[in-house]
Amino acid sequence: MIAFVTGGTGFLGRRLVRQLLDCGIKVRCLVRAGSDLSALGRELPAPQAARLATFAGCLERPDAYGPALLGSDILFHVAAGLRGSVPSLFLSNVIGTRELIAQARRAKVSRLVLVSSIAVHGVSRLRRHSVVDESCPLDPEPHRRDAYTFSKIEQERVAWEAHHRGDVSLSVVRPGVIYGPGRDVLSSRVGLQLANVLIKMGNQRLPYTFVDNCAGAIVLAGTAPNAAGEAFNVIDDAPPTGSQLVAECRRRGKRLRVVRVPGPAIRPLSWVCEQYHRWSHGQLPAVLTPYKSAAQWKPLRYSNAKAKSILGWQPRVGFEEGLRATLDFPKDGQLVAA
């Protein structure tokens, strides 16, 4: 079996490549020209590295990777733009995906696994403590969220349309916040971070997944026969709260000043910020709005039951073990920053 992977040199992609090779699958990676391959190489013993081939190119230039897709059985689309304007993220995450799917159809690739995000769910109007699972619809107003969420929802739309046309057999993986060695555990789900000051928003459970657990779910989404046509939310068991993360970071010496915003105060604060944004004609960016805040910081319960029942997935690395590995990972003598 041969797998073609985009984004194989990234934080999640490296772990996916390693697990695919562990399963005896040959891997072809599309990497951007000039990408640093050293981190990927360090994770692979020599016998595995011999079954890995890399191809330089970008999604917008199919002539660079189209021939490499020939003979591939599974396409794992992990690469994604994370930051930027709406046009730039639309180009990388939507237009690039559309061209990739066209090439996969020509190459007769049997399965496409798209790595999306749990952020695509429309949770802003859910009641507090509702369960978020795969039956939760995609956000109907992503333009009120952020450019990344908008691009990922459009990316999924393109992929599902291709699936229903019969161009590809699609599985979608929607990870929660991915953490692990080399990435900070204090994400925007905890609050807003400015240098060493964290504006901590509420104390809700966080939809987190350890990077190796997430990579394992992605492998299963590409190899399980009954995964085609399905989407899977990937969140670890017993997710942490923001207070747990902050306490552990401080215990390990991370300098952090915390300004706590209680859960009931988040919506009024967001309303005031939105009103001032309008009154000032944009002098204050609309960082906080009631819609965005409800999507990020409302207390909800996240289910991973479908990934367990259909894929047979189990998060092998528990939270305490994953957090310890993450916080103890050195970078230039300091804890890793985002």
C-alpha atoms as a PDB file:
ATOM      1  CA  MET A   1       0.000   0.000   0.000  1.00  0.00           C
ATOM      2  CA  ILE A   2       1.217   3.505  -0.847  1.00  0.00           C
ATOM      3  CA  ALA A   3       0.079   6.674   0.904  1.00  0.00           C
ATOM      4  CA  PHE A   4       0.522  10.196  -0.432  1.00  0.00           C
ATOM      5  CA  VAL A   5       0.754  12.830   2.319  1.00  0.00           C
ATOM      6  CA  THR A   6       0.570  16.608   2.122  1.00  0.00           C
ATOM      7  CA  GLY A   7       1.974  18.546   5.048  1.00  0.00           C
ATOM      8  CA  GLY A   8       4.248  15.689   6.068  1.00  0.00           C
ATOM      9  CA  THR A   9       6.927  17.970   7.517  1.00  0.00           C
ATOM     10  CA  GLY A  10       4.499  19.752   9.856  1.00  0.00           C
ATOM     11  CA  PHE A  11       3.746  19.188  13.523  1.00  0.00           C
ATOM     12  CA  LEU A  12       0.985  16.637  12.879  1.00  0.00           C
ATOM     13  CA  GLY A  13       2.232  15.435   9.497  1.00  0.00           C
ATOM     14  CA  ARG A  14       5.527  14.111  10.866  1.00  0.00           C
ATOM     15  CA  ARG A  15       3.724  11.889  13.366  1.00  0.00           C
ATOM     16  CA  LEU A  16       1.329  10.683  10.676  1.00  0.00           C
ATOM     17  CA  VAL A  17       4.198   9.757   8.371  1.00  0.00           C
ATOM     18  CA  ARG A  18       5.932   7.851  11.151  1.00  0.00           C
ATOM     19  CA  GLN A  19       2.794   5.890  12.051  1.00  0.00           C
ATOM     20  CA  LEU A  20       2.078   5.046   8.420  1.00  0.00           C
ATOM     21  CA  LEU A  21       5.602   3.709   8.044  1.00  0.00           C
ATOM     22  CA  ASP A  22       5.193   1.773  11.292  1.00  0.00           C
ATOM     23  CA  CYS A  23       2.205   0.061   9.678  1.00  0.00           C
ATOM     24  CA  GLY A  24       4.359  -1.039   6.735  1.00  0.00           C
ATOM     25  CA  ILE A  25       2.848   1.510   4.340  1.00  0.00           C
ATOM     26  CA  LYS A  26       5.099   3.244   1.828  1.00  0.00           C
ATOM     27  CA  VAL A  27       4.809   7.022   1.985  1.00  0.00           C
ATOM     28  CA  ARG A  28       5.198   9.777  -0.585  1.00  0.00           C
ATOM     29  CA  CYS A  29       5.302  13.318   0.831  1.00  0.00           C
ATOM     30  CA  LEU A  30       4.584  16.564  -0.955  1.00  0.00           C
ATOM     31  CA  VAL A  31       6.771  19.250   0.637  1.00  0.00           C
ATOM     32  CA  ARG A  32       7.241  22.886  -0.217  1.00  0.00           C
ATOM     33  CA  ALA A  33      10.505  23.743  -1.956  1.00  0.00           C
ATOM     34  CA  GLY A  34      13.114  24.650   0.638  1.00  0.00           C
ATOM     35  CA  SER A  35      11.272  22.890   3.493  1.00  0.00           C
ATOM     36  CA  ASP A  36      13.385  21.720   6.415  1.00  0.00           C
ATOM     37  CA  LEU A  37      13.268  17.924   6.325  1.00  0.00           C
ATOM     38  CA  SER A  38      15.558  17.440   9.321  1.00  0.00           C
ATOM     39  CA  ALA A  39      12.785  17.151  11.932  1.00  0.00           C
ATOM     40  CA  LEU A  40      11.052  14.462   9.880  1.00  0.00           C
ATOM     41  CA  GLY A  41      14.325  12.629   9.315  1.00  0.00           C
ATOM     42  CA  ARG A  42      15.176  12.585  13.022  1.00  0.00           C
ATOM     43  CA  GLU A  43      11.980  10.717  13.828  1.00  0.00           C
ATOM     44  CA  LEU A  44      12.590   7.915  11.343  1.00  0.00           C
ATOM     45  CA  PRO A  45      14.999   4.994  11.730  1.00  0.00           C
ATOM     46  CA  ALA A  46      16.901   4.016   8.608  1.00  0.00           C
ATOM     47  CA  PRO A  47      14.615   1.119   7.538  1.00  0.00           C
ATOM     48  CA  GLN A  48      11.609   3.452   7.645  1.00  0.00           C
ATOM     49  CA  ALA A  49      13.367   6.313   5.873  1.00  0.00           C
ATOM     50  CA  ALA A  50      14.047   3.955   2.979  1.00  0.00           C
ATOM     51  CA  ARG A  51      10.277   3.669   2.382  1.00  0.00           C
ATOM     52  CA  LEU A  52       9.757   7.439   2.319  1.00  0.00           C
ATOM     53  CA  ALA A  53       9.965   9.571  -0.820  1.00  0.00           C
ATOM     54  CA  THR A  54       9.582  13.355  -0.917  1.00  0.00           C
ATOM     55  CA  PHE A  55       8.497  15.594  -3.783  1.00  0.00           C
ATOM     56  CA  ALA A  56       8.959  19.361  -3.800  1.00  0.00           C
ATOM     57  CA  GLY A  57       6.015  21.452  -4.910  1.00  0.00           C
ATOM     58  CA  CYS A  58       2.829  23.214  -3.836  1.00  0.00           C
ATOM     59  CA  LEU A  59      -0.841  22.412  -4.199  1.00  0.00           C
ATOM     60  CA  GLU A  60      -1.396  25.208  -6.681  1.00  0.00           C
ATOM     61  CA  ARG A  61       1.132  23.608  -9.100  1.00  0.00           C
ATOM     62  CA  PRO A  62      -0.195  20.123  -9.903  1.00  0.00           C
ATOM     63  CA  ASP A  63       2.538  19.500 -12.463  1.00  0.00           C
ATOM     64  CA  ALA A  64       4.941  19.122  -9.527  1.00  0.00           C
ATOM     65  CA  TYR A  65       3.005  16.387  -7.716  1.00  0.00           C
ATOM     66  CA  GLY A  66       0.466  14.967 -10.172  1.00  0.00           C
ATOM     67  CA  PRO A  67       2.780  12.187 -11.438  1.00  0.00           C
ATOM     68  CA  ALA A  68       3.646  11.199  -7.846  1.00  0.00           C
ATOM     69  CA  LEU A  69      -0.034  10.549  -7.118  1.00  0.00           C
ATOM     70  CA  LEU A  70      -0.112   7.815  -9.755  1.00  0.00           C
ATOM     71  CA  GLY A  71      -0.078   4.462  -8.025  1.00  0.00           C
ATOM     72  CA  SER A  72      -0.974   5.916  -4.635  1.00  0.00           C
ATOM     73  CA  ASP A  73      -3.777   4.164  -2.768  1.00  0.00           C
ATOM     74  CA  ILE A  74      -4.611   6.733  -0.089  1.00  0.00           C
ATOM     75  CA  LEU A  75      -4.240  10.508  -0.046  1.00  0.00           C
ATOM     76  CA  PHE A  76      -3.871  12.137   3.383  1.00  0.00           C
ATOM     77  CA  HIS A  77      -4.429  15.880   3.024  1.00  0.00           C
ATOM     78  CA  VAL A  78      -2.909  17.409   6.165  1.00  0.00           C
ATOM     79  CA  ALA A  79      -1.387  20.621   4.780  1.00  0.00           C
ATOM     80  CA  ALA A  80      -3.338  23.782   5.579  1.00  0.00           C
ATOM     81  CA  GLY A  81      -2.813  27.488   5.955  1.00  0.00           C
ATOM     82  CA  LEU A  82      -3.446  28.523   9.556  1.00  0.00           C
ATOM     83  CA  ARG A  83      -3.095  32.296   9.504  1.00  0.00           C
ATOM     84  CA  GLY A  84      -3.664  35.072   7.025  1.00  0.00           C
ATOM     85  CA  SER A  85      -6.390  36.984   5.258  1.00  0.00           C
ATOM     86  CA  VAL A  86      -9.548  35.443   3.874  1.00  0.00           C
ATOM     87  CA  PRO A  87      -8.217  35.483   0.262  1.00  0.00           C
ATOM     88  CA  SER A  88      -4.875  33.888   1.188  1.00  0.00           C
ATOM     89  CA  LEU A  89      -6.439  31.131   3.302  1.00  0.00           C
ATOM     90  CA  PHE A  90      -9.108  30.527   0.664  1.00  0.00           C
ATOM     91  CA  LEU A  91      -6.376  30.105  -1.938  1.00  0.00           C
ATOM     92  CA  SER A  92      -4.336  27.634   0.108  1.00  0.00           C
ATOM     93  CA  ASN A  93      -7.111  25.683   1.844  1.00  0.00           C
ATOM     94  CA  VAL A  94      -9.907  25.710  -0.736  1.00  0.00           C
ATOM     95  CA  ILE A  95      -8.468  26.266  -4.206  1.00  0.00           C
ATOM     96  CA  GLY A  96      -5.473  24.077  -3.421  1.00  0.00           C
ATOM     97  CA  THR A  97      -7.743  21.289  -2.154  1.00  0.00           C
ATOM     98  CA  ARG A  98      -9.941  21.487  -5.255  1.00  0.00           C
ATOM     99  CA  GLU A  99      -6.897  21.043  -7.510  1.00  0.00           C
ATOM    100  CA  LEU A 100      -5.552  18.224  -5.330  1.00  0.00           C
ATOM    101  CA  ILE A 101      -8.860  16.356  -5.591  1.00  0.00           C
ATOM    102  CA  ALA A 102      -8.871  16.771  -9.368  1.00  0.00           C
ATOM    103  CA  GLN A 103      -5.414  15.227  -9.539  1.00  0.00           C
ATOM    104  CA  ALA A 104      -6.438  12.403  -7.176  1.00  0.00           C
ATOM    105  CA  ARG A 105      -9.400  11.601  -9.409  1.00  0.00           C
ATOM    106  CA  ARG A 106      -7.153  11.417 -12.464  1.00  0.00           C
ATOM    107  CA  ALA A 107      -4.740   9.168 -10.560  1.00  0.00           C
ATOM    108  CA  LYS A 108      -7.633   6.954  -9.391  1.00  0.00           C
ATOM    109  CA  VAL A 109      -6.686   7.283  -5.717  1.00  0.00           C
ATOM    110  CA  SER A 110      -9.102   5.086  -3.768  1.00  0.00           C
ATOM    111  CA  ARG A 111      -9.417   7.124  -0.554  1.00  0.00           C
ATOM    112  CA  LEU A 112      -8.990  10.753   0.463  1.00  0.00           C
ATOM    113  CA  VAL A 113      -8.605  11.592   4.143  1.00  0.00           C
ATOM    114  CA  LEU A 114      -9.100  15.300   4.748  1.00  0.00           C
ATOM    115  CA  VAL A 115      -7.849  16.716   8.041  1.00  0.00           C
ATOM    116  CA  SER A 116     -10.305  19.449   8.946  1.00  0.00           C
ATOM    117  CA  SER A 117     -10.990  20.939  12.390  1.00  0.00           C
ATOM    118  CA  ILE A 118     -13.540  20.608  15.146  1.00  0.00           C
ATOM    119  CA  ALA A 119     -13.898  24.387  14.829  1.00  0.00           C
ATOM    120  CA  VAL A 120     -16.136  23.897  11.790  1.00  0.00           C
ATOM    121  CA  HIS A 121     -19.116  22.959  13.961  1.00  0.00           C
ATOM    122  CA  GLY A 122     -21.729  25.652  14.510  1.00  0.00           C
ATOM    123  CA  VAL A 123     -21.835  25.727  18.304  1.00  0.00           C
ATOM    124  CA  SER A 124     -22.534  29.423  18.916  1.00  0.00           C
ATOM    125  CA  ARG A 125     -26.263  28.880  19.354  1.00  0.00           C
ATOM    126  CA  LEU A 126     -26.047  25.619  21.281  1.00  0.00           C
ATOM    127  CA  ARG A 127     -27.056  25.625  24.914  1.00  0.00           C
ATOM    128  CA  ARG A 128     -24.345  25.464  27.533  1.00  0.00           C
ATOM    129  CA  HIS A 129     -23.104  21.942  28.264  1.00  0.00           C
ATOM    130  CA  SER A 130     -24.607  20.550  25.042  1.00  0.00           C
ATOM    131  CA  VAL A 131     -22.893  17.554  23.451  1.00  0.00           C
ATOM    132  CA  VAL A 132     -20.923  18.294  20.283  1.00  0.00           C
ATOM    133  CA  ASP A 133     -20.670  15.290  17.989  1.00  0.00           C
ATOM    134  CA  GLU A 134     -20.635  14.684  14.244  1.00  0.00           C
ATOM    135  CA  SER A 135     -24.383  15.344  13.987  1.00  0.00           C
ATOM    136  CA  CYS A 136     -23.780  18.978  14.935  1.00  0.00           C
ATOM    137  CA  PRO A 137     -24.088  21.000  11.694  1.00  0.00           C
ATOM    138  CA  LEU A 138     -21.294  23.088  10.282  1.00  0.00           C
ATOM    139  CA  ASP A 139     -21.301  26.735  11.264  1.00  0.00           C
ATOM    140  CA  PRO A 140     -23.888  28.509   9.073  1.00  0.00           C
ATOM    141  CA  GLU A 141     -22.187  31.890   9.565  1.00  0.00           C
ATOM    142  CA  PRO A 142     -18.428  31.241   9.472  1.00  0.00           C
ATOM    143  CA  HIS A 143     -17.791  34.793   8.259  1.00  0.00           C
ATOM    144  CA  ARG A 144     -18.656  35.889  11.799  1.00  0.00           C
ATOM    145  CA  ARG A 145     -15.881  33.728  13.224  1.00  0.00           C
ATOM    146  CA  ASP A 146     -12.481  34.046  11.545  1.00  0.00           C
ATOM    147  CA  ALA A 147     -10.766  33.500   8.213  1.00  0.00           C
ATOM    148  CA  TYR A 148      -9.402  30.066   9.175  1.00  0.00           C
ATOM    149  CA  THR A 149     -12.792  28.627  10.149  1.00  0.00           C
ATOM    150  CA  PHE A 150     -14.366  30.058   7.010  1.00  0.00           C
ATOM    151  CA  SER A 151     -11.693  28.433   4.817  1.00  0.00           C
ATOM    152  CA  LYS A 152     -11.968  25.020   6.528  1.00  0.00           C
ATOM    153  CA  ILE A 153     -15.751  24.940   6.122  1.00  0.00           C
ATOM    154  CA  GLU A 154     -15.396  25.796   2.437  1.00  0.00           C
ATOM    155  CA  GLN A 155     -12.644  23.192   2.125  1.00  0.00           C
ATOM    156  CA  GLU A 156     -14.969  20.534   3.521  1.00  0.00           C
ATOM    157  CA  ARG A 157     -17.737  21.639   1.168  1.00  0.00           C
ATOM    158  CA  VAL A 158     -15.450  21.173  -1.841  1.00  0.00           C
ATOM    159  CA  ALA A 159     -14.372  17.731  -0.621  1.00  0.00           C
ATOM    160  CA  TRP A 160     -17.893  16.511   0.152  1.00  0.00           C
ATOM    161  CA  GLU A 161     -19.150  17.683  -3.230  1.00  0.00           C
ATOM    162  CA  ALA A 162     -16.386  15.660  -4.893  1.00  0.00           C
ATOM    163  CA  HIS A 163     -17.298  12.637  -2.773  1.00  0.00           C
ATOM    164  CA  HIS A 164     -20.971  12.834  -3.733  1.00  0.00           C
ATOM    165  CA  ARG A 165     -20.001  13.180  -7.413  1.00  0.00           C
ATOM    166  CA  GLY A 166     -17.984   9.986  -7.107  1.00  0.00           C
ATOM    167  CA  ASP A 167     -14.646  11.699  -7.767  1.00  0.00           C
ATOM    168  CA  VAL A 168     -13.112  10.420  -4.507  1.00  0.00           C
ATOM    169  CA  SER A 169     -14.052   8.279  -1.543  1.00  0.00           C
ATOM    170  CA  LEU A 170     -13.797  10.706   1.363  1.00  0.00           C
ATOM    171  CA  SER A 171     -13.192  10.456   5.095  1.00  0.00           C
ATOM    172  CA  VAL A 172     -12.932  13.632   7.181  1.00  0.00           C
ATOM    173  CA  VAL A 173     -11.072  13.897  10.478  1.00  0.00           C
ATOM    174  CA  ARG A 174     -11.898  16.899  12.683  1.00  0.00           C
ATOM    175  CA  PRO A 175      -9.297  17.139  15.420  1.00  0.00           C
ATOM    176  CA  GLY A 176      -9.688  19.268  18.488  1.00  0.00           C
ATOM    177  CA  VAL A 177      -6.759  21.386  19.638  1.00  0.00           C
ATOM    178  CA  ILE A 178      -3.656  19.347  18.856  1.00  0.00           C
ATOM    179  CA  TYR A 179      -0.893  19.565  21.445  1.00  0.00           C
ATOM    180  CA  GLY A 180       2.380  17.767  22.032  1.00  0.00           C
ATOM    181  CA  PRO A 181       6.153  18.249  22.242  1.00  0.00           C
ATOM    182  CA  GLY A 182       7.067  21.329  20.236  1.00  0.00           C
ATOM    183  CA  ARG A 183       3.760  23.155  20.626  1.00  0.00           C
ATOM    184  CA  ASP A 184       2.376  25.250  23.471  1.00  0.00           C
ATOM    185  CA  VAL A 185      -0.578  23.823  25.378  1.00  0.00           C
ATOM    186  CA  LEU A 186      -2.050  27.273  26.001  1.00  0.00           C
ATOM    187  CA  SER A 187      -4.184  27.719  22.903  1.00  0.00           C
ATOM    188  CA  SER A 188      -6.865  30.299  22.162  1.00  0.00           C
ATOM    189  CA  ARG A 189      -9.369  27.851  23.655  1.00  0.00           C
ATOM    190  CA  VAL A 190      -7.919  28.801  27.052  1.00  0.00           C
ATOM    191  CA  GLY A 191      -7.959  32.533  26.375  1.00  0.00           C
ATOM    192  CA  LEU A 192      -6.143  35.412  24.741  1.00  0.00           C
ATOM    193  CA  GLN A 193      -2.382  35.466  25.257  1.00  0.00           C
ATOM    194  CA  LEU A 194      -0.295  38.643  24.955  1.00  0.00           C
ATOM    195  CA  ALA A 195       3.381  37.938  25.662  1.00  0.00           C
ATOM    196  CA  ASN A 196       3.393  36.488  29.177  1.00  0.00           C
ATOM    197  CA  VAL A 197      -0.107  37.747  30.029  1.00  0.00           C
ATOM    198  CA  LEU A 198      -3.012  35.328  29.577  1.00  0.00           C
ATOM    199  CA  ILE A 199      -6.575  36.640  29.588  1.00  0.00           C
ATOM    200  CA  LYS A 200      -8.175  33.388  30.691  1.00  0.00           C
ATOM    201  CA  MET A 201     -11.749  33.046  29.463  1.00  0.00           C
ATOM    202  CA  GLY A 202     -13.897  30.921  31.782  1.00  0.00           C
ATOM    203  CA  ASN A 203     -12.893  27.451  32.921  1.00  0.00           C
ATOM    204  CA  GLN A 204     -14.596  25.088  30.484  1.00  0.00           C
ATOM    205  CA  ARG A 205     -13.369  21.644  29.446  1.00  0.00           C
ATOM    206  CA  LEU A 206     -11.117  21.920  26.405  1.00  0.00           C
ATOM    207  CA  PRO A 207     -11.399  19.751  23.264  1.00  0.00           C
ATOM    208  CA  TYR A 208      -7.741  18.675  23.194  1.00  0.00           C
ATOM    209  CA  THR A 209      -6.002  15.736  21.535  1.00  0.00           C
ATOM    210  CA  PHE A 210      -2.388  14.619  21.856  1.00  0.00           C
ATOM    211  CA  VAL A 211      -0.604  14.700  18.513  1.00  0.00           C
ATOM    212  CA  ASP A 212       0.194  10.969  18.414  1.00  0.00           C
ATOM    213  CA  ASN A 213      -3.382  10.070  19.326  1.00  0.00           C
ATOM    214  CA  CYS A 214      -4.633  12.288  16.525  1.00  0.00           C
ATOM    215  CA  ALA A 215      -2.229  10.782  13.988  1.00  0.00           C
ATOM    216  CA  GLY A 216      -3.466   7.312  14.920  1.00  0.00           C
ATOM    217  CA  ALA A 217      -7.061   8.317  14.189  1.00  0.00           C
ATOM    218  CA  ILE A 218      -6.041   9.702  10.792  1.00  0.00           C
ATOM    219  CA  VAL A 219      -4.318   6.435   9.852  1.00  0.00           C
ATOM    220  CA  LEU A 220      -7.473   4.503  10.752  1.00  0.00           C
ATOM    221  CA  ALA A 221      -9.653   6.897   8.754  1.00  0.00           C
ATOM    222  CA  GLY A 222      -7.619   5.976   5.681  1.00  0.00           C
ATOM    223  CA  THR A 223      -7.440   2.236   6.252  1.00  0.00           C
ATOM    224  CA  ALA A 224     -10.717   1.222   7.943  1.00  0.00           C
ATOM    225  CA  PRO A 225     -13.097  -0.107   5.258  1.00  0.00           C
ATOM    226  CA  ASN A 226     -16.199   1.409   6.871  1.00  0.00           C
ATOM    227  CA  ALA A 227     -14.745   4.913   7.258  1.00  0.00           C
ATOM    228  CA  ALA A 228     -15.619   6.078   3.731  1.00  0.00           C
ATOM    229  CA  GLY A 229     -18.240   8.800   3.620  1.00  0.00           C
ATOM    230  CA  GLU A 230     -17.874   9.556   7.317  1.00  0.00           C
ATOM    231  CA  ALA A 231     -16.556  12.398   9.464  1.00  0.00           C
ATOM    232  CA  PHE A 232     -14.895  11.841  12.819  1.00  0.00           C
ATOM    233  CA  ASN A 233     -14.328  14.232  15.695  1.00  0.00           C
ATOM    234  CA  VAL A 234     -11.051  13.423  17.435  1.00  0.00           C
ATOM    235  CA  ILE A 235     -10.800  14.477  21.076  1.00  0.00           C
ATOM    236  CA  ASP A 236      -9.015  12.640  23.848  1.00  0.00           C
ATOM    237  CA  ASP A 237     -10.784  11.222  26.880  1.00  0.00           C
ATOM    238  CA  ALA A 238     -11.040  13.326  30.058  1.00  0.00           C
ATOM    239  CA  PRO A 239     -10.106  16.674  28.475  1.00  0.00           C
ATOM    240  CA  PRO A 240      -8.501  19.272  30.767  1.00  0.00           C
ATOM    241  CA  THR A 241      -9.796  22.620  31.928  1.00  0.00           C
ATOM    242  CA  GLY A 242      -7.963  25.881  31.401  1.00  0.00           C
ATOM    243  CA  SER A 243      -7.168  26.075  35.106  1.00  0.00           C
ATOM    244  CA  GLN A 244      -5.484  22.671  34.983  1.00  0.00           C
ATOM    245  CA  LEU A 245      -3.273  23.751  32.102  1.00  0.00           C
ATOM    246  CA  VAL A 246      -2.321  27.043  33.719  1.00  0.00           C
ATOM    247  CA  ALA A 247      -1.488  25.322  37.023  1.00  0.00           C
ATOM    248  CA  GLU A 248       0.742  22.749  35.301  1.00  0.00           C
ATOM    249  CA  CYS A 249       2.522  25.399  33.245  1.00  0.00           C
ATOM    250  CA  ARG A 250       3.283  27.418  36.352  1.00  0.00           C
ATOM    251  CA  ARG A 251       4.380  24.346  38.280  1.00  0.00           C
ATOM    252  CA  ARG A 252       6.999  23.719  35.606  1.00  0.00           C
ATOM    253  CA  GLY A 253       8.341  27.249  35.785  1.00  0.00           C
ATOM    254  CA  LYS A 254       6.501  29.015  32.963  1.00  0.00           C
ATOM    255  CA  ARG A 255       6.205  32.714  33.791  1.00  0.00           C
ATOM    256  CA  LEU A 256       2.609  33.642  33.250  1.00  0.00           C
ATOM    257  CA  ARG A 257       0.408  36.450  34.499  1.00  0.00           C
ATOM    258  CA  VAL A 258      -3.258  35.510  34.373  1.00  0.00           C
ATOM    259  CA  VAL A 259      -6.242  37.836  34.133  1.00  0.00           C
ATOM    260  CA  ARG A 260      -9.332  35.742  34.773  1.00  0.00           C
ATOM    261  CA  VAL A 261     -12.628  36.498  33.074  1.00  0.00           C
ATOM    262  CA  PRO A 262     -15.414  34.433  34.719  1.00  0.00           C
ATOM    263  CA  GLY A 263     -17.660  32.496  32.365  1.00  0.00           C
ATOM    264  CA  PRO A 264     -20.791  34.613  33.015  1.00  0.00           C
ATOM    265  CA  ALA A 265     -18.834  37.788  32.208  1.00  0.00           C
ATOM    266  CA  ILE A 266     -17.601  36.658  28.776  1.00  0.00           C
ATOM    267  CA  ARG A 267     -20.757  37.488  26.821  1.00  0.00           C
ATOM    268  CA  PRO A 268     -21.273  41.007  28.331  1.00  0.00           C
ATOM    269  CA  LEU A 269     -17.591  41.811  27.796  1.00  0.00           C
ATOM    270  CA  SER A 270     -17.819  40.600  24.187  1.00  0.00           C
ATOM    271  CA  TRP A 271     -20.941  42.696  23.583  1.00  0.00           C
ATOM    272  CA  VAL A 272     -19.198  45.826  24.879  1.00  0.00           C
ATOM    273  CA  CYS A 273     -16.161  45.173  22.653  1.00  0.00           C
ATOM    274  CA  GLU A 274     -18.359  44.628  19.608  1.00  0.00           C
ATOM    275  CA  GLN A 275     -20.326  47.809  20.255  1.00  0.00           C
ATOM    276  CA  TYR A 276     -17.146  49.844  20.704  1.00  0.00           C
ATOM    277  CA  HIS A 277     -15.766  48.373  17.467  1.00  0.00           C
ATOM    278  CA  ARG A 278     -18.833  49.651  15.630  1.00  0.00           C
ATOM    279  CA  TRP A 279     -18.915  53.033  17.397  1.00  0.00           C
ATOM    280  CA  SER A 280     -15.209  53.647  16.731  1.00  0.00           C
ATOM    281  CA  HIS A 281     -15.516  52.565  13.073  1.00  0.00           C
ATOM    282  CA  GLY A 282     -12.993  49.801  13.583  1.00  0.00           C
ATOM    283  CA  GLN A 283     -10.392  51.542  15.772  1.00  0.00           C
ATOM    284  CA  LEU A 284     -10.684  48.578  18.126  1.00  0.00           C
ATOM    285  CA  PRO A 285     -10.514  45.305  16.153  1.00  0.00           C
ATOM    286  CA  ALA A 286     -13.492  42.996  16.597  1.00  0.00           C
ATOM    287  CA  VAL A 287     -11.418  40.420  18.486  1.00  0.00           C
ATOM    288  CA  LEU A 288     -14.277  39.753  20.894  1.00  0.00           C
ATOM    289  CA  THR A 289     -17.880  39.414  19.727  1.00  0.00           C
ATOM    290  CA  PRO A 290     -20.662  37.383  21.347  1.00  0.00           C
ATOM    291  CA  TYR A 291     -20.688  35.033  18.342  1.00  0.00           C
ATOM    292  CA  LYS A 292     -16.939  34.374  18.421  1.00  0.00           C
ATOM    293  CA  SER A 293     -16.858  34.025  22.185  1.00  0.00           C
ATOM    294  CA  ALA A 294     -19.688  31.485  22.204  1.00  0.00           C
ATOM    295  CA  ALA A 295     -17.830  29.424  19.587  1.00  0.00           C
ATOM    296  CA  GLN A 296     -14.591  29.457  21.575  1.00  0.00           C
ATOM    297  CA  TRP A 297     -15.408  29.558  25.273  1.00  0.00           C
ATOM    298  CA  LYS A 298     -18.901  28.236  25.885  1.00  0.00           C
ATOM    299  CA  PRO A 299     -18.836  25.183  28.214  1.00  0.00           C
ATOM    300  CA  LEU A 300     -19.661  22.183  26.017  1.00  0.00           C
ATOM    301  CA  ARG A 301     -19.140  18.434  26.035  1.00  0.00           C
ATOM    302  CA  TYR A 302     -17.269  16.886  23.111  1.00  0.00           C
ATOM    303  CA  SER A 303     -17.903  13.291  22.065  1.00  0.00           C
ATOM    304  CA  ASN A 304     -15.349  10.913  20.510  1.00  0.00           C
ATOM    305  CA  ALA A 305     -17.748   7.944  20.475  1.00  0.00           C
ATOM    306  CA  LYS A 306     -18.006   7.694  16.686  1.00  0.00           C
ATOM    307  CA  ALA A 307     -14.238   7.466  16.155  1.00  0.00           C
ATOM    308  CA  LYS A 308     -14.111   4.734  18.787  1.00  0.00           C
ATOM    309  CA  SER A 309     -17.047   2.718  17.438  1.00  0.00           C
ATOM    310  CA  ILE A 310     -16.362   2.914  13.681  1.00  0.00           C
ATOM    311  CA  LEU A 311     -12.581   3.264  13.555  1.00  0.00           C
ATOM    312  CA  GLY A 312     -11.793   1.284  16.679  1.00  0.00           C
ATOM    313  CA  TRP A 313      -9.686   4.263  17.789  1.00  0.00           C
ATOM    314  CA  GLN A 314      -8.472   4.667  21.332  1.00  0.00           C
ATOM    315  CA  PRO A 315      -6.329   7.585  22.576  1.00  0.00           C
ATOM    316  CA  ARG A 316      -3.271   5.666  23.739  1.00  0.00           C
ATOM    317  CA  VAL A 317      -1.528   8.597  25.401  1.00  0.00           C
ATOM    318  CA  GLY A 318      -3.401   9.885  28.434  1.00  0.00           C
ATOM    319  CA  PHE A 319      -3.629  13.548  29.321  1.00  0.00           C
ATOM    320  CA  GLU A 320      -1.123  13.501  32.177  1.00  0.00           C
ATOM    321  CA  GLU A 321       1.468  11.662  30.087  1.00  0.00           C
ATOM    322  CA  GLY A 322       0.889  13.897  27.066  1.00  0.00           C
ATOM    323  CA  LEU A 323       1.033  17.079  29.119  1.00  0.00           C
ATOM    324  CA  ARG A 324       4.249  15.986  30.807  1.00  0.00           C
ATOM    325  CA  ALA A 325       5.869  15.218  27.453  1.00  0.00           C
ATOM    326  CA  THR A 326       4.740  18.590  26.096  1.00  0.00           C
ATOM    327  CA  LEU A 327       5.735  20.809  29.002  1.00  0.00           C
ATOM    328  CA  ASP A 328       9.070  19.093  29.570  1.00  0.00           C
ATOM    329  CA  PHE A 329      10.080  19.415  25.924  1.00  0.00           C
ATOM    330  CA  PRO A 330      12.973  21.933  25.705  1.00  0.00           C
ATOM    331  CA  LYS A 331      13.549  24.544  23.054  1.00  0.00           C
ATOM    332  CA  ASP A 332      16.592  26.731  23.445  1.00  0.00           C
ATOM    333  CA  GLY A 333      16.430  26.055  27.154  1.00  0.00           C
ATOM    334  CA  GLN A 334      12.876  27.335  27.444  1.00  0.00           C
ATOM    335  CA  LEU A 335       9.418  25.938  27.277  1.00  0.00           C
ATOM    336  CA  VAL A 336       8.069  25.972  23.743  1.00  0.00           C
ATOM    337  CA  ALA A 337       5.996  28.987  22.767  1.00  0.00           C
ATOM    338  CA  ALA A 338       3.245  28.964  20.175  1.00  0.00           C
END
